[in-house]
Full PDB file with SEQRES, HELIX, SHEET, SSBOND, CRYST1, ORIGX, SCALE, CONECT and MASTER records, all heavy atoms in Angstrom:
SEQRES   1 A   29  ASP THR ALA VAL TYR TYR CYS ALA ALA THR THR TRP GLY          
SEQRES   2 A   29  GLY THR ALA ALA ARG ASN PHE ASN PHE TRP GLY GLN GLY          
SEQRES   3 A   29  THR GLN VAL                                                  
HELIX    1 AA1 ALA A   17  ASN A   19  5                                   3    
SHEET    1 AA1 2 VAL A   4  TYR A   5  0                                        
SHEET    2 AA1 2 THR A  27  GLN A  28 -1                                        
SHEET    1 AA2 2 ALA A   8  ALA A   9  0                                        
SHEET    2 AA2 2 PHE A  22  TRP A  23 -1                                        
CRYST1    1.000    1.000    1.000  90.00  90.00  90.00 P 1           1          
ORIGX1      1.000000  0.000000  0.000000        0.00000                         
ORIGX2      0.000000  1.000000  0.000000        0.00000                         
ORIGX3      0.000000  0.000000  1.000000        0.00000                         
SCALE1      1.000000  0.000000  0.000000        0.00000                         
SCALE2      0.000000  1.000000  0.000000        0.00000                         
SCALE3      0.000000  0.000000  1.000000        0.00000                         
ATOM      1  N   ASP A   1      30.792  58.811 -14.026  1.00  0.00           N  
ATOM      2  CA  ASP A   1      29.533  59.177 -13.397  1.00  0.00           C  
ATOM      3  C   ASP A   1      29.686  60.373 -12.466  1.00  0.00           C  
ATOM      4  O   ASP A   1      28.680  60.885 -11.958  1.00  0.00           O  
ATOM      5  CB  ASP A   1      28.957  58.002 -12.605  1.00  0.00           C  
ATOM      6  CG  ASP A   1      28.569  56.834 -13.487  1.00  0.00           C  
ATOM      7  OD1 ASP A   1      27.988  57.066 -14.563  1.00  0.00           O  
ATOM      8  OD2 ASP A   1      28.837  55.675 -13.084  1.00  0.00           O  
ATOM      9  N   THR A   2      30.897  60.803 -12.221  1.00  0.00           N  
ATOM     10  CA  THR A   2      31.147  61.937 -11.335  1.00  0.00           C  
ATOM     11  C   THR A   2      30.473  63.192 -11.878  1.00  0.00           C  
ATOM     12  O   THR A   2      30.708  63.596 -13.022  1.00  0.00           O  
ATOM     13  CB  THR A   2      32.648  62.175 -11.176  1.00  0.00           C  
ATOM     14  OG1 THR A   2      33.246  61.047 -10.524  1.00  0.00           O  
ATOM     15  CG2 THR A   2      32.916  63.422 -10.351  1.00  0.00           C  
ATOM     16  N   ALA A   3      29.631  63.803 -11.058  1.00  0.00           N  
ATOM     17  CA  ALA A   3      28.879  64.985 -11.471  1.00  0.00           C  
ATOM     18  C   ALA A   3      28.044  65.472 -10.299  1.00  0.00           C  
ATOM     19  O   ALA A   3      27.911  64.786  -9.278  1.00  0.00           O  
ATOM     20  CB  ALA A   3      27.967  64.665 -12.657  1.00  0.00           C  
ATOM     21  N   VAL A   4      27.480  66.649 -10.453  1.00  0.00           N  
ATOM     22  CA  VAL A   4      26.412  67.093  -9.571  1.00  0.00           C  
ATOM     23  C   VAL A   4      25.111  66.535 -10.128  1.00  0.00           C  
ATOM     24  O   VAL A   4      24.800  66.728 -11.307  1.00  0.00           O  
ATOM     25  CB  VAL A   4      26.343  68.622  -9.470  1.00  0.00           C  
ATOM     26  CG1 VAL A   4      25.162  69.048  -8.598  1.00  0.00           C  
ATOM     27  CG2 VAL A   4      27.642  69.174  -8.895  1.00  0.00           C  
ATOM     28  N   TYR A   5      24.364  65.851  -9.295  1.00  0.00           N  
ATOM     29  CA  TYR A   5      23.116  65.240  -9.703  1.00  0.00           C  
ATOM     30  C   TYR A   5      21.941  66.071  -9.205  1.00  0.00           C  
ATOM     31  O   TYR A   5      21.904  66.475  -8.042  1.00  0.00           O  
ATOM     32  CB  TYR A   5      23.008  63.813  -9.168  1.00  0.00           C  
ATOM     33  CG  TYR A   5      23.842  62.828  -9.948  1.00  0.00           C  
ATOM     34  CD1 TYR A   5      25.233  62.851  -9.865  1.00  0.00           C  
ATOM     35  CD2 TYR A   5      23.248  61.883 -10.781  1.00  0.00           C  
ATOM     36  CE1 TYR A   5      26.002  61.967 -10.595  1.00  0.00           C  
ATOM     37  CE2 TYR A   5      24.009  60.996 -11.507  1.00  0.00           C  
ATOM     38  CZ  TYR A   5      25.387  61.042 -11.412  1.00  0.00           C  
ATOM     39  OH  TYR A   5      26.149  60.155 -12.140  1.00  0.00           O  
ATOM     40  N   TYR A   6      20.984  66.304 -10.085  1.00  0.00           N  
ATOM     41  CA  TYR A   6      19.807  67.101  -9.790  1.00  0.00           C  
ATOM     42  C   TYR A   6      18.545  66.291 -10.033  1.00  0.00           C  
ATOM     43  O   TYR A   6      18.445  65.584 -11.036  1.00  0.00           O  
ATOM     44  CB  TYR A   6      19.741  68.340 -10.692  1.00  0.00           C  
ATOM     45  CG  TYR A   6      20.917  69.273 -10.591  1.00  0.00           C  
ATOM     46  CD1 TYR A   6      22.042  69.096 -11.377  1.00  0.00           C  
ATOM     47  CD2 TYR A   6      20.881  70.355  -9.714  1.00  0.00           C  
ATOM     48  CE1 TYR A   6      23.118  69.965 -11.295  1.00  0.00           C  
ATOM     49  CE2 TYR A   6      21.943  71.229  -9.627  1.00  0.00           C  
ATOM     50  CZ  TYR A   6      23.062  71.029 -10.421  1.00  0.00           C  
ATOM     51  OH  TYR A   6      24.120  71.900 -10.341  1.00  0.00           O  
ATOM     52  N   CYS A   7      17.579  66.403  -9.148  1.00  0.00           N  
ATOM     53  CA  CYS A   7      16.252  65.905  -9.474  1.00  0.00           C  
ATOM     54  C   CYS A   7      15.414  67.067  -9.979  1.00  0.00           C  
ATOM     55  O   CYS A   7      15.662  68.224  -9.660  1.00  0.00           O  
ATOM     56  CB  CYS A   7      15.584  65.197  -8.288  1.00  0.00           C  
ATOM     57  SG  CYS A   7      15.216  66.233  -6.860  1.00  0.00           S  
ATOM     58  N   ALA A   8      14.443  66.743 -10.796  1.00  0.00           N  
ATOM     59  CA  ALA A   8      13.621  67.752 -11.435  1.00  0.00           C  
ATOM     60  C   ALA A   8      12.222  67.205 -11.671  1.00  0.00           C  
ATOM     61  O   ALA A   8      12.004  65.997 -11.646  1.00  0.00           O  
ATOM     62  CB  ALA A   8      14.253  68.189 -12.762  1.00  0.00           C  
ATOM     63  N   ALA A   9      11.281  68.102 -11.911  1.00  0.00           N  
ATOM     64  CA  ALA A   9       9.899  67.716 -12.147  1.00  0.00           C  
ATOM     65  C   ALA A   9       9.341  68.485 -13.324  1.00  0.00           C  
ATOM     66  O   ALA A   9       9.706  69.642 -13.562  1.00  0.00           O  
ATOM     67  CB  ALA A   9       9.053  67.965 -10.900  1.00  0.00           C  
ATOM     68  N   THR A  10       8.435  67.837 -14.052  1.00  0.00           N  
ATOM     69  CA  THR A  10       7.840  68.459 -15.223  1.00  0.00           C  
ATOM     70  C   THR A  10       6.494  67.824 -15.538  1.00  0.00           C  
ATOM     71  O   THR A  10       6.251  66.665 -15.191  1.00  0.00           O  
ATOM     72  CB  THR A  10       8.762  68.328 -16.448  1.00  0.00           C  
ATOM     73  OG1 THR A  10       8.193  69.025 -17.554  1.00  0.00           O  
ATOM     74  CG2 THR A  10       8.963  66.864 -16.831  1.00  0.00           C  
ATOM     75  N   THR A  11       5.633  68.580 -16.188  1.00  0.00           N  
ATOM     76  CA  THR A  11       4.413  68.028 -16.770  1.00  0.00           C  
ATOM     77  C   THR A  11       4.593  67.713 -18.248  1.00  0.00           C  
ATOM     78  O   THR A  11       3.692  67.160 -18.872  1.00  0.00           O  
ATOM     79  CB  THR A  11       3.230  68.984 -16.602  1.00  0.00           C  
ATOM     80  OG1 THR A  11       3.548  70.243 -17.200  1.00  0.00           O  
ATOM     81  CG2 THR A  11       2.916  69.199 -15.129  1.00  0.00           C  
ATOM     82  N   TRP A  12       5.746  68.064 -18.791  1.00  0.00           N  
ATOM     83  CA  TRP A  12       6.055  67.798 -20.187  1.00  0.00           C  
ATOM     84  C   TRP A  12       6.625  66.402 -20.362  1.00  0.00           C  
ATOM     85  O   TRP A  12       7.216  65.833 -19.456  1.00  0.00           O  
ATOM     86  CB  TRP A  12       7.061  68.814 -20.733  1.00  0.00           C  
ATOM     87  CG  TRP A  12       6.551  70.204 -20.826  1.00  0.00           C  
ATOM     88  CD1 TRP A  12       6.595  71.160 -19.857  1.00  0.00           C  
ATOM     89  CD2 TRP A  12       5.928  70.807 -21.963  1.00  0.00           C  
ATOM     90  NE1 TRP A  12       6.035  72.323 -20.311  1.00  0.00           N  
ATOM     91  CE2 TRP A  12       5.614  72.140 -21.604  1.00  0.00           C  
ATOM     92  CE3 TRP A  12       5.608  70.358 -23.246  1.00  0.00           C  
ATOM     93  CZ2 TRP A  12       4.993  73.021 -22.490  1.00  0.00           C  
ATOM     94  CZ3 TRP A  12       4.995  71.230 -24.119  1.00  0.00           C  
ATOM     95  CH2 TRP A  12       4.701  72.543 -23.738  1.00  0.00           C  
ATOM     96  N   GLY A  13       6.481  65.880 -21.565  1.00  0.00           N  
ATOM     97  CA  GLY A  13       7.149  64.648 -21.906  1.00  0.00           C  
ATOM     98  C   GLY A  13       8.582  64.911 -22.332  1.00  0.00           C  
ATOM     99  O   GLY A  13       9.056  66.051 -22.362  1.00  0.00           O  
ATOM    100  N   GLY A  14       9.306  63.854 -22.628  1.00  0.00           N  
ATOM    101  CA  GLY A  14      10.666  63.986 -23.115  1.00  0.00           C  
ATOM    102  C   GLY A  14      11.696  64.090 -22.017  1.00  0.00           C  
ATOM    103  O   GLY A  14      11.388  64.000 -20.821  1.00  0.00           O  
ATOM    104  N   THR A  15      12.941  64.311 -22.422  1.00  0.00           N  
ATOM    105  CA  THR A  15      14.076  64.291 -21.506  1.00  0.00           C  
ATOM    106  C   THR A  15      14.914  65.554 -21.537  1.00  0.00           C  
ATOM    107  O   THR A  15      15.991  65.593 -20.940  1.00  0.00           O  
ATOM    108  CB  THR A  15      14.978  63.084 -21.818  1.00  0.00           C  
ATOM    109  OG1 THR A  15      15.455  63.175 -23.167  1.00  0.00           O  
ATOM    110  CG2 THR A  15      14.212  61.778 -21.652  1.00  0.00           C  
ATOM    111  N   ALA A  16      14.467  66.597 -22.212  1.00  0.00           N  
ATOM    112  CA  ALA A  16      15.225  67.833 -22.307  1.00  0.00           C  
ATOM    113  C   ALA A  16      15.167  68.595 -20.992  1.00  0.00           C  
ATOM    114  O   ALA A  16      14.093  68.840 -20.443  1.00  0.00           O  
ATOM    115  CB  ALA A  16      14.699  68.704 -23.434  1.00  0.00           C  
ATOM    116  N   ALA A  17      16.326  68.992 -20.491  1.00  0.00           N  
ATOM    117  CA  ALA A  17      16.390  69.707 -19.225  1.00  0.00           C  
ATOM    118  C   ALA A  17      15.598  71.008 -19.252  1.00  0.00           C  
ATOM    119  O   ALA A  17      15.000  71.398 -18.246  1.00  0.00           O  
ATOM    120  CB  ALA A  17      17.852  69.983 -18.865  1.00  0.00           C  
ATOM    121  N   ARG A  18      15.598  71.681 -20.385  1.00  0.00           N  
ATOM    122  CA  ARG A  18      14.913  72.963 -20.487  1.00  0.00           C  
ATOM    123  C   ARG A  18      13.414  72.861 -20.289  1.00  0.00           C  
ATOM    124  O   ARG A  18      12.754  73.865 -19.993  1.00  0.00           O  
ATOM    125  CB  ARG A  18      15.200  73.611 -21.847  1.00  0.00           C  
ATOM    126  CG  ARG A  18      14.649  72.832 -23.031  1.00  0.00           C  
ATOM    127  CD  ARG A  18      14.976  73.541 -24.340  1.00  0.00           C  
ATOM    128  NE  ARG A  18      14.490  72.802 -25.493  1.00  0.00           N  
ATOM    129  CZ  ARG A  18      15.161  71.846 -26.111  1.00  0.00           C  
ATOM    130  NH1 ARG A  18      16.374  71.521 -25.688  1.00  0.00           N  
ATOM    131  NH2 ARG A  18      14.627  71.216 -27.151  1.00  0.00           N  
ATOM    132  N   ASN A  19      12.853  71.672 -20.413  1.00  0.00           N  
ATOM    133  CA  ASN A  19      11.420  71.486 -20.256  1.00  0.00           C  
ATOM    134  C   ASN A  19      11.018  71.066 -18.849  1.00  0.00           C  
ATOM    135  O   ASN A  19       9.831  70.873 -18.591  1.00  0.00           O  
ATOM    136  CB  ASN A  19      10.906  70.467 -21.259  1.00  0.00           C  
ATOM    137  CG  ASN A  19      10.946  70.987 -22.686  1.00  0.00           C  
ATOM    138  OD1 ASN A  19      10.859  72.186 -22.924  1.00  0.00           O  
ATOM    139  ND2 ASN A  19      11.084  70.082 -23.637  1.00  0.00           N  
ATOM    140  N   PHE A  20      11.972  70.919 -17.953  1.00  0.00           N  
ATOM    141  CA  PHE A  20      11.668  70.601 -16.565  1.00  0.00           C  
ATOM    142  C   PHE A  20      11.504  71.891 -15.775  1.00  0.00           C  
ATOM    143  O   PHE A  20      12.389  72.749 -15.774  1.00  0.00           O  
ATOM    144  CB  PHE A  20      12.758  69.710 -15.960  1.00  0.00           C  
ATOM    145  CG  PHE A  20      12.613  68.267 -16.331  1.00  0.00           C  
ATOM    146  CD1 PHE A  20      12.863  67.838 -17.618  1.00  0.00           C  
ATOM    147  CD2 PHE A  20      12.207  67.335 -15.384  1.00  0.00           C  
ATOM    148  CE1 PHE A  20      12.710  66.508 -17.976  1.00  0.00           C  
ATOM    149  CE2 PHE A  20      12.064  65.993 -15.726  1.00  0.00           C  
ATOM    150  CZ  PHE A  20      12.314  65.584 -17.021  1.00  0.00           C  
ATOM    151  N   ASN A  21      10.380  72.021 -15.108  1.00  0.00           N  
ATOM    152  CA  ASN A  21       9.983  73.273 -14.489  1.00  0.00           C  
ATOM    153  C   ASN A  21      10.618  73.518 -13.127  1.00  0.00           C  
ATOM    154  O   ASN A  21      10.895  74.668 -12.767  1.00  0.00           O  
ATOM    155  CB  ASN A  21       8.460  73.316 -14.321  1.00  0.00           C  
ATOM    156  CG  ASN A  21       7.707  73.026 -15.604  1.00  0.00           C  
ATOM    157  OD1 ASN A  21       7.585  71.863 -16.005  1.00  0.00           O  
ATOM    158  ND2 ASN A  21       7.199  74.070 -16.229  1.00  0.00           N  
ATOM    159  N   PHE A  22      10.830  72.463 -12.366  1.00  0.00           N  
ATOM    160  CA  PHE A  22      11.278  72.592 -10.990  1.00  0.00           C  
ATOM    161  C   PHE A  22      12.501  71.730 -10.762  1.00  0.00           C  
ATOM    162  O   PHE A  22      12.596  70.608 -11.265  1.00  0.00           O  
ATOM    163  CB  PHE A  22      10.156  72.188 -10.017  1.00  0.00           C  
ATOM    164  CG  PHE A  22       8.910  72.986 -10.195  1.00  0.00           C  
ATOM    165  CD1 PHE A  22       7.861  72.509 -10.965  1.00  0.00           C  
ATOM    166  CD2 PHE A  22       8.781  74.232  -9.597  1.00  0.00           C  
ATOM    167  CE1 PHE A  22       6.711  73.252 -11.137  1.00  0.00           C  
ATOM    168  CE2 PHE A  22       7.636  74.985  -9.765  1.00  0.00           C  
ATOM    169  CZ  PHE A  22       6.603  74.489 -10.537  1.00  0.00           C  
ATOM    170  N   TRP A  23      13.428  72.262  -9.968  1.00  0.00           N  
ATOM    171  CA  TRP A  23      14.718  71.618  -9.752  1.00  0.00           C  
ATOM    172  C   TRP A  23      15.114  71.640  -8.291  1.00  0.00           C  
ATOM    173  O   TRP A  23      14.825  72.595  -7.564  1.00  0.00           O  
ATOM    174  CB  TRP A  23      15.807  72.332 -10.554  1.00  0.00           C  
ATOM    175  CG  TRP A  23      15.632  72.218 -12.032  1.00  0.00           C  
ATOM    176  CD1 TRP A  23      14.834  72.981 -12.824  1.00  0.00           C  
ATOM    177  CD2 TRP A  23      16.266  71.267 -12.883  1.00  0.00           C  
ATOM    178  NE1 TRP A  23      14.931  72.567 -14.130  1.00  0.00           N  
ATOM    179  CE2 TRP A  23      15.799  71.527 -14.198  1.00  0.00           C  
ATOM    180  CE3 TRP A  23      17.180  70.245 -12.675  1.00  0.00           C  
ATOM    181  CZ2 TRP A  23      16.222  70.774 -15.301  1.00  0.00           C  
ATOM    182  CZ3 TRP A  23      17.606  69.493 -13.765  1.00  0.00           C  
ATOM    183  CH2 TRP A  23      17.125  69.768 -15.056  1.00  0.00           C  
ATOM    184  N   GLY A  24      15.783  70.582  -7.869  1.00  0.00           N  
ATOM    185  CA  GLY A  24      16.426  70.579  -6.574  1.00  0.00           C  
ATOM    186  C   GLY A  24      17.748  71.308  -6.619  1.00  0.00           C  
ATOM    187  O   GLY A  24      18.170  71.830  -7.655  1.00  0.00           O  
ATOM    188  N   GLN A  25      18.426  71.336  -5.485  1.00  0.00           N  
ATOM    189  CA  GLN A  25      19.661  72.105  -5.364  1.00  0.00           C  
ATOM    190  C   GLN A  25      20.889  71.365  -5.865  1.00  0.00           C  
ATOM    191  O   GLN A  25      21.945  71.975  -6.063  1.00  0.00           O  
ATOM    192  CB  GLN A  25      19.876  72.522  -3.906  1.00  0.00           C  
ATOM    193  CG  GLN A  25      20.486  71.455  -3.003  1.00  0.00           C  
ATOM    194  CD  GLN A  25      19.538  70.329  -2.636  1.00  0.00           C  
ATOM    195  OE1 GLN A  25      18.350  70.361  -2.951  1.00  0.00           O  
ATOM    196  NE2 GLN A  25      20.057  69.315  -1.956  1.00  0.00           N  
ATOM    197  N   GLY A  26      20.784  70.072  -6.072  1.00  0.00           N  
ATOM    198  CA  GLY A  26      21.889  69.264  -6.537  1.00  0.00           C  
ATOM    199  C   GLY A  26      22.645  68.597  -5.407  1.00  0.00           C  
ATOM    200  O   GLY A  26      22.730  69.115  -4.293  1.00  0.00           O  
ATOM    201  N   THR A  27      23.205  67.424  -5.693  1.00  0.00           N  
ATOM    202  CA  THR A  27      24.039  66.715  -4.738  1.00  0.00           C  
ATOM    203  C   THR A  27      25.235  66.130  -5.481  1.00  0.00           C  
ATOM    204  O   THR A  27      25.098  65.571  -6.566  1.00  0.00           O  
ATOM    205  CB  THR A  27      23.237  65.620  -4.001  1.00  0.00           C  
ATOM    206  OG1 THR A  27      24.047  65.014  -2.994  1.00  0.00           O  
ATOM    207  CG2 THR A  27      22.726  64.549  -4.953  1.00  0.00           C  
ATOM    208  N   GLN A  28      26.413  66.278  -4.895  1.00  0.00           N  
ATOM    209  CA  GLN A  28      27.656  65.881  -5.565  1.00  0.00           C  
ATOM    210  C   GLN A  28      27.884  64.389  -5.436  1.00  0.00           C  
ATOM    211  O   GLN A  28      27.828  63.827  -4.340  1.00  0.00           O  
ATOM    212  CB  GLN A  28      28.847  66.638  -4.968  1.00  0.00           C  
ATOM    213  CG  GLN A  28      30.201  66.239  -5.550  1.00  0.00           C  
ATOM    214  CD  GLN A  28      30.385  66.702  -6.977  1.00  0.00           C  
ATOM    215  OE1 GLN A  28      30.109  67.863  -7.291  1.00  0.00           O  
ATOM    216  NE2 GLN A  28      30.846  65.793  -7.847  1.00  0.00           N  
ATOM    217  N   VAL A  29      28.173  63.755  -6.556  1.00  0.00           N  
ATOM    218  CA  VAL A  29      28.597  62.357  -6.593  1.00  0.00           C  
ATOM    219  C   VAL A  29      29.987  62.319  -7.203  1.00  0.00           C  
ATOM    220  O   VAL A  29      30.195  62.787  -8.319  1.00  0.00           O  
ATOM    221  CB  VAL A  29      27.636  61.486  -7.420  1.00  0.00           C  
ATOM    222  CG1 VAL A  29      28.195  60.071  -7.584  1.00  0.00           C  
ATOM    223  CG2 VAL A  29      26.269  61.448  -6.764  1.00  0.00           C  
TER     224      VAL A  29                                                      
MASTER        0    0    0    1    4    0    0    6  223    1    0    3          
END                                                                             
């Protein structure tokens, strides 16, 4: 599970990262 974790927002359906419009800066886990 070790990774940089990002939250994101989208008006699109699905789970593809490329379709998420807005992103946080990330937090290390």
